[in-house]
N, C-alpha and C. Protein backbone atom coordinates (compact mmCIF):
# COMPACT_ATOMS: atom_id res chain seq x y z
N MET A 1 29.57 -30.29 8.34
CA MET A 1 28.14 -30.45 8.33
C MET A 1 27.58 -29.91 9.64
N PHE A 2 26.46 -29.23 9.53
CA PHE A 2 25.80 -28.65 10.70
C PHE A 2 24.50 -29.39 10.94
N GLN A 3 24.26 -29.81 12.18
CA GLN A 3 23.01 -30.46 12.53
C GLN A 3 22.44 -29.79 13.76
N SER A 4 21.11 -29.68 13.77
CA SER A 4 20.45 -29.04 14.89
C SER A 4 19.00 -29.51 14.94
N ILE A 5 18.37 -29.32 16.07
CA ILE A 5 16.95 -29.61 16.23
C ILE A 5 16.23 -28.29 16.39
N ALA A 6 15.11 -28.16 15.69
CA ALA A 6 14.35 -26.91 15.75
C ALA A 6 12.87 -27.23 15.83
N ASP A 7 12.14 -26.41 16.57
CA ASP A 7 10.69 -26.51 16.62
C ASP A 7 10.11 -25.40 15.76
N PHE A 8 9.13 -25.75 14.94
CA PHE A 8 8.47 -24.77 14.09
C PHE A 8 7.00 -24.67 14.47
N THR A 9 6.52 -23.45 14.57
CA THR A 9 5.11 -23.20 14.85
C THR A 9 4.45 -22.73 13.57
N PRO A 10 3.39 -23.41 13.12
CA PRO A 10 2.74 -22.99 11.88
C PRO A 10 2.12 -21.59 12.02
N ILE A 11 2.17 -20.85 10.95
CA ILE A 11 1.52 -19.54 10.89
C ILE A 11 0.31 -19.72 9.99
N ASN A 12 -0.86 -19.56 10.55
CA ASN A 12 -2.09 -19.81 9.81
C ASN A 12 -2.60 -18.55 9.12
N LYS A 13 -1.72 -17.94 8.34
CA LYS A 13 -2.09 -16.76 7.58
C LYS A 13 -1.68 -16.98 6.13
N VAL A 14 -2.51 -16.52 5.21
CA VAL A 14 -2.21 -16.63 3.79
C VAL A 14 -2.40 -15.26 3.15
N THR A 15 -1.69 -15.02 2.08
CA THR A 15 -1.89 -13.81 1.29
C THR A 15 -2.60 -14.18 0.01
N VAL A 16 -3.71 -13.50 -0.27
CA VAL A 16 -4.49 -13.73 -1.47
C VAL A 16 -4.20 -12.59 -2.44
N PHE A 17 -3.92 -12.94 -3.71
CA PHE A 17 -3.63 -11.92 -4.72
C PHE A 17 -3.93 -12.49 -6.10
N TRP A 18 -3.99 -11.61 -7.09
CA TRP A 18 -4.19 -12.02 -8.48
C TRP A 18 -2.86 -12.01 -9.21
N SER A 19 -2.68 -12.99 -10.10
CA SER A 19 -1.50 -12.97 -10.97
C SER A 19 -1.79 -13.81 -12.20
N GLN A 20 -1.48 -13.27 -13.36
CA GLN A 20 -1.61 -14.03 -14.60
C GLN A 20 -0.26 -14.52 -15.09
N SER A 21 0.81 -14.14 -14.42
CA SER A 21 2.14 -14.48 -14.92
C SER A 21 2.80 -15.63 -14.16
N LEU A 22 2.21 -16.12 -13.09
CA LEU A 22 2.82 -17.21 -12.32
C LEU A 22 2.30 -18.56 -12.79
N THR A 23 3.13 -19.58 -12.65
CA THR A 23 2.71 -20.93 -12.99
C THR A 23 2.68 -21.78 -11.73
N THR A 24 2.01 -22.90 -11.79
CA THR A 24 1.90 -23.80 -10.65
C THR A 24 3.29 -24.17 -10.15
N GLY A 25 3.47 -24.13 -8.83
CA GLY A 25 4.74 -24.50 -8.23
C GLY A 25 5.72 -23.35 -8.07
N THR A 26 5.35 -22.15 -8.50
CA THR A 26 6.24 -21.00 -8.39
C THR A 26 6.31 -20.53 -6.94
N MET A 27 7.51 -20.35 -6.44
CA MET A 27 7.70 -19.79 -5.10
C MET A 27 7.69 -18.27 -5.24
N ILE A 28 6.96 -17.59 -4.35
CA ILE A 28 6.92 -16.13 -4.42
C ILE A 28 7.41 -15.55 -3.11
N PHE A 29 7.92 -14.35 -3.17
CA PHE A 29 8.40 -13.65 -1.98
C PHE A 29 7.40 -12.61 -1.54
N LYS A 30 6.82 -11.90 -2.49
CA LYS A 30 5.90 -10.82 -2.18
C LYS A 30 4.92 -10.65 -3.33
N ALA A 31 3.65 -10.45 -3.01
CA ALA A 31 2.66 -10.18 -4.04
C ALA A 31 2.96 -8.82 -4.64
N THR A 32 2.86 -8.72 -5.97
CA THR A 32 3.24 -7.48 -6.65
C THR A 32 2.04 -6.61 -7.02
N GLY A 33 0.86 -7.00 -6.68
CA GLY A 33 -0.33 -6.20 -6.99
C GLY A 33 -1.22 -6.14 -5.77
N PRO A 34 -2.49 -5.84 -5.98
CA PRO A 34 -3.42 -5.81 -4.85
C PRO A 34 -3.43 -7.16 -4.13
N SER A 35 -3.43 -7.12 -2.81
CA SER A 35 -3.43 -8.35 -2.02
C SER A 35 -4.07 -8.10 -0.67
N ILE A 36 -4.37 -9.20 0.02
CA ILE A 36 -4.91 -9.12 1.38
C ILE A 36 -4.37 -10.31 2.16
N GLU A 37 -3.99 -10.07 3.41
CA GLU A 37 -3.57 -11.16 4.28
C GLU A 37 -4.80 -11.67 5.03
N VAL A 38 -5.02 -12.98 4.97
CA VAL A 38 -6.18 -13.60 5.61
C VAL A 38 -5.68 -14.43 6.79
N ASP A 39 -6.18 -14.14 7.98
CA ASP A 39 -5.78 -14.83 9.20
C ASP A 39 -6.75 -15.98 9.47
N LEU A 40 -6.24 -17.19 9.43
CA LEU A 40 -7.05 -18.39 9.68
C LEU A 40 -6.70 -19.03 11.01
N THR A 41 -6.17 -18.24 11.93
CA THR A 41 -5.76 -18.77 13.23
C THR A 41 -6.94 -19.29 14.03
N SER A 42 -8.05 -18.56 14.06
CA SER A 42 -9.18 -18.95 14.92
C SER A 42 -10.36 -19.52 14.15
N GLN A 43 -10.29 -19.56 12.83
CA GLN A 43 -11.37 -20.17 12.04
C GLN A 43 -10.80 -20.71 10.74
N THR A 44 -11.54 -21.62 10.11
CA THR A 44 -11.02 -22.28 8.91
C THR A 44 -11.51 -21.66 7.61
N THR A 45 -12.44 -20.73 7.67
CA THR A 45 -12.91 -20.06 6.46
C THR A 45 -12.98 -18.55 6.70
N GLN A 46 -12.84 -17.80 5.65
CA GLN A 46 -12.96 -16.34 5.68
C GLN A 46 -13.65 -15.91 4.39
N THR A 47 -14.35 -14.81 4.43
CA THR A 47 -14.94 -14.22 3.22
C THR A 47 -14.20 -12.93 2.92
N ILE A 48 -13.74 -12.82 1.67
CA ILE A 48 -13.10 -11.58 1.24
C ILE A 48 -13.73 -11.16 -0.08
N SER A 49 -13.56 -9.90 -0.45
CA SER A 49 -14.12 -9.38 -1.69
C SER A 49 -13.04 -8.60 -2.43
N PHE A 50 -13.25 -8.46 -3.73
CA PHE A 50 -12.37 -7.64 -4.55
C PHE A 50 -13.23 -6.59 -5.23
N LEU A 51 -12.89 -5.33 -5.04
CA LEU A 51 -13.66 -4.22 -5.59
C LEU A 51 -12.81 -3.45 -6.59
N GLY A 52 -13.33 -3.22 -7.77
CA GLY A 52 -12.61 -2.42 -8.76
C GLY A 52 -12.14 -3.25 -9.93
N PRO A 53 -11.46 -2.60 -10.87
CA PRO A 53 -10.99 -3.32 -12.06
C PRO A 53 -9.83 -4.26 -11.72
N ALA A 54 -9.72 -5.32 -12.50
CA ALA A 54 -8.65 -6.30 -12.30
C ALA A 54 -7.29 -5.62 -12.31
N GLY A 55 -6.47 -5.91 -11.33
CA GLY A 55 -5.13 -5.35 -11.24
C GLY A 55 -5.06 -3.97 -10.62
N ALA A 56 -6.21 -3.30 -10.49
CA ALA A 56 -6.18 -1.95 -9.94
C ALA A 56 -7.16 -1.76 -8.80
N GLY A 57 -7.95 -2.79 -8.49
CA GLY A 57 -8.91 -2.69 -7.40
C GLY A 57 -8.27 -2.99 -6.07
N THR A 58 -9.10 -3.25 -5.08
CA THR A 58 -8.60 -3.57 -3.75
C THR A 58 -9.38 -4.74 -3.17
N PHE A 59 -8.69 -5.52 -2.35
CA PHE A 59 -9.34 -6.59 -1.59
C PHE A 59 -9.87 -5.99 -0.29
N ALA A 60 -10.95 -6.57 0.22
CA ALA A 60 -11.51 -6.12 1.49
C ALA A 60 -12.04 -7.33 2.24
N PRO A 61 -11.95 -7.30 3.58
CA PRO A 61 -12.54 -8.40 4.34
C PRO A 61 -14.06 -8.34 4.23
N GLY A 62 -14.69 -9.50 4.23
CA GLY A 62 -16.15 -9.56 4.20
C GLY A 62 -16.72 -9.67 2.79
N PRO A 63 -18.05 -9.82 2.72
CA PRO A 63 -18.70 -9.96 1.42
C PRO A 63 -18.77 -8.62 0.69
N LEU A 64 -19.10 -8.69 -0.59
CA LEU A 64 -19.30 -7.48 -1.38
C LEU A 64 -20.44 -6.67 -0.78
N PRO A 65 -20.34 -5.34 -0.81
CA PRO A 65 -21.46 -4.53 -0.33
C PRO A 65 -22.63 -4.66 -1.30
N PRO A 66 -23.86 -4.48 -0.78
CA PRO A 66 -25.02 -4.57 -1.68
C PRO A 66 -24.96 -3.48 -2.75
N THR A 67 -25.43 -3.80 -3.94
CA THR A 67 -25.47 -2.81 -5.00
C THR A 67 -26.68 -1.92 -4.83
N PRO A 68 -26.52 -0.62 -5.07
CA PRO A 68 -27.67 0.28 -4.91
C PRO A 68 -28.73 -0.04 -5.95
N SER A 69 -30.00 0.08 -5.56
CA SER A 69 -31.06 -0.21 -6.52
C SER A 69 -31.68 1.04 -7.09
């Protein structure tokens, strides 16, 4: 048996992505479609947007751009 003491530092980053094939509690290694890493180190909220068709668009930091009139 191996025993040791370790200190862990939380990483306040999350990856946001779309998936219709995962179920609650599924562990993932890597997002397989469009995704964005959101850094929550210095603030507790972020705004991101998704532009384009589902599964083929892209995520972007910030709100959606205004629509042309």
